[in-house]
Every structure is written in C-alpha cells, then in structure tokens.
Amino acid sequence: MTEVQTLDLIVALVVVFDLITGHFLSARQLKLAEQMPEPVDREQMRARAERGRIMLMYVSPLILVVLYLLWLRPSVA
C-alpha cells in the first residue's frame, strides 16, 4: 500500500467515525431533551442537539476532507 492510499484510508475512516459518532451523540442528546421537565428547556436542548448533529455529521467531515485534499495530500506525480 502506498503512502497516498494509506492516507486516503485514514481520512476515510476518520470521516466515517465522525458520521457515526455524530449520529449516536445527537440521538442521545435528543433523548435527554425529551426528559427535560420544562418545555422551554426541552426546545433548547433539542435545538442544541440539532446544531451538534449538523456540526459532527456534516461540517466536521467536510472540513477534514477539504483540508486533506488541499493541503495534506502528497503530490502523486
């Protein structure tokens, strides 16, 4: 396995880990939000869970891939 293939595999695994982690953490936060006694607190927790889900599942992996493709990936030539 060449250096580029190894880096590609590592980045792909980290992105998949981010997606899975974001899914399960947001599901856990949504469950906690449902247990809040006050409706206002429940809505705030639900909104926080959604923001965290978007960040972990979409923004973080996208930033990682962009950084990798633009700066970290060694030249193949």
C-alpha atoms as a PDB file:
ATOM      1  CA  MET A   1       0.000   0.000   0.000  1.00  0.00           C
ATOM      2  CA  THR A   2       1.447   3.340  -0.985  1.00  0.00           C
ATOM      3  CA  GLU A   3       1.588   6.405   1.217  1.00  0.00           C
ATOM      4  CA  VAL A   4      -1.289   8.093  -0.632  1.00  0.00           C
ATOM      5  CA  GLN A   5      -3.536   5.041  -0.314  1.00  0.00           C
ATOM      6  CA  THR A   6      -2.777   4.812   3.401  1.00  0.00           C
ATOM      7  CA  LEU A   7      -3.612   8.489   3.937  1.00  0.00           C
ATOM      8  CA  ASP A   8      -6.795   8.112   1.869  1.00  0.00           C
ATOM      9  CA  LEU A   9      -7.845   5.177   4.031  1.00  0.00           C
ATOM     10  CA  ILE A  10      -7.106   7.007   7.286  1.00  0.00           C
ATOM     11  CA  VAL A  11      -9.071  10.085   6.210  1.00  0.00           C
ATOM     12  CA  ALA A  12     -11.983   7.934   5.039  1.00  0.00           C
ATOM     13  CA  LEU A  13     -12.062   6.082   8.368  1.00  0.00           C
ATOM     14  CA  VAL A  14     -12.000   9.340  10.341  1.00  0.00           C
ATOM     15  CA  VAL A  15     -14.861  10.747   8.250  1.00  0.00           C
ATOM     16  CA  VAL A  16     -16.942   7.600   8.799  1.00  0.00           C
ATOM     17  CA  PHE A  17     -16.154   7.728  12.521  1.00  0.00           C
ATOM     18  CA  ASP A  18     -17.308  11.383  12.622  1.00  0.00           C
ATOM     19  CA  LEU A  19     -20.558  10.484  10.880  1.00  0.00           C
ATOM     20  CA  ILE A  20     -21.317   7.571  13.198  1.00  0.00           C
ATOM     21  CA  THR A  21     -20.322   9.491  16.324  1.00  0.00           C
ATOM     22  CA  GLY A  22     -22.447  12.462  15.293  1.00  0.00           C
ATOM     23  CA  HIS A  23     -25.449  10.235  14.710  1.00  0.00           C
ATOM     24  CA  PHE A  24     -25.284   8.492  18.075  1.00  0.00           C
ATOM     25  CA  LEU A  25     -24.394  11.594  20.096  1.00  0.00           C
ATOM     26  CA  SER A  26     -27.260  13.568  18.594  1.00  0.00           C
ATOM     27  CA  ALA A  27     -29.671  10.697  19.254  1.00  0.00           C
ATOM     28  CA  ARG A  28     -28.521  10.625  22.876  1.00  0.00           C
ATOM     29  CA  GLN A  29     -28.935  14.397  23.231  1.00  0.00           C
ATOM     30  CA  LEU A  30     -32.434  14.201  21.748  1.00  0.00           C
ATOM     31  CA  LYS A  31     -33.369  11.548  24.319  1.00  0.00           C
ATOM     32  CA  LEU A  32     -32.046  13.771  27.088  1.00  0.00           C
ATOM     33  CA  ALA A  33     -34.040  16.698  25.687  1.00  0.00           C
ATOM     34  CA  GLU A  34     -37.260  14.703  25.933  1.00  0.00           C
ATOM     35  CA  GLN A  35     -36.609  14.130  29.644  1.00  0.00           C
ATOM     36  CA  MET A  36     -36.374  17.832  30.457  1.00  0.00           C
ATOM     37  CA  PRO A  37     -39.275  18.913  32.687  1.00  0.00           C
ATOM     38  CA  GLU A  38     -39.854  22.371  31.196  1.00  0.00           C
ATOM     39  CA  PRO A  39     -40.996  22.806  27.556  1.00  0.00           C
ATOM     40  CA  VAL A  40     -38.608  25.735  27.049  1.00  0.00           C
ATOM     41  CA  ASP A  41     -35.654  23.667  28.280  1.00  0.00           C
ATOM     42  CA  ARG A  42     -36.778  20.802  26.071  1.00  0.00           C
ATOM     43  CA  GLU A  43     -36.814  23.028  22.982  1.00  0.00           C
ATOM     44  CA  GLN A  44     -33.394  24.497  23.801  1.00  0.00           C
ATOM     45  CA  MET A  45     -31.900  21.030  24.260  1.00  0.00           C
ATOM     46  CA  ARG A  46     -33.490  19.844  21.026  1.00  0.00           C
ATOM     47  CA  ALA A  47     -32.049  22.837  19.141  1.00  0.00           C
ATOM     48  CA  ARG A  48     -28.609  22.221  20.662  1.00  0.00           C
ATOM     49  CA  ALA A  49     -28.782  18.557  19.644  1.00  0.00           C
ATOM     50  CA  GLU A  50     -29.624  19.542  16.069  1.00  0.00           C
ATOM     51  CA  ARG A  51     -26.735  22.014  15.878  1.00  0.00           C
ATOM     52  CA  GLY A  52     -24.359  19.398  17.274  1.00  0.00           C
ATOM     53  CA  ARG A  53     -25.634  16.827  14.813  1.00  0.00           C
ATOM     54  CA  ILE A  54     -25.068  19.143  11.859  1.00  0.00           C
ATOM     55  CA  MET A  55     -21.590  20.012  13.088  1.00  0.00           C
ATOM     56  CA  LEU A  56     -20.471  16.446  13.766  1.00  0.00           C
ATOM     57  CA  MET A  57     -22.130  14.726  10.836  1.00  0.00           C
ATOM     58  CA  TYR A  58     -21.638  17.237   8.053  1.00  0.00           C
ATOM     59  CA  VAL A  59     -19.341  20.166   8.783  1.00  0.00           C
ATOM     60  CA  SER A  60     -16.530  18.340  10.567  1.00  0.00           C
ATOM     61  CA  PRO A  61     -16.054  15.580   7.942  1.00  0.00           C
ATOM     62  CA  LEU A  62     -16.355  18.108   5.124  1.00  0.00           C
ATOM     63  CA  ILE A  63     -13.677  20.345   6.644  1.00  0.00           C
ATOM     64  CA  LEU A  64     -11.433  17.329   7.138  1.00  0.00           C
ATOM     65  CA  VAL A  65     -11.787  16.216   3.522  1.00  0.00           C
ATOM     66  CA  VAL A  66     -11.213  19.730   2.166  1.00  0.00           C
ATOM     67  CA  LEU A  67      -8.114  20.220   4.316  1.00  0.00           C
ATOM     68  CA  TYR A  68      -6.790  16.854   3.253  1.00  0.00           C
ATOM     69  CA  LEU A  69      -7.371  17.439  -0.437  1.00  0.00           C
ATOM     70  CA  LEU A  70      -5.999  20.978  -0.458  1.00  0.00           C
ATOM     71  CA  TRP A  71      -3.005  20.820   1.870  1.00  0.00           C
ATOM     72  CA  LEU A  72      -2.202  17.450   3.353  1.00  0.00           C
ATOM     73  CA  ARG A  73      -2.369  15.084   0.413  1.00  0.00           C
ATOM     74  CA  PRO A  74       1.095  14.479  -1.017  1.00  0.00           C
ATOM     75  CA  SER A  75       1.545  15.040  -4.719  1.00  0.00           C
ATOM     76  CA  VAL A  76       1.124  11.883  -6.744  1.00  0.00           C
ATOM     77  CA  ALA A  77       3.481  12.967  -9.532  1.00  0.00           C
END
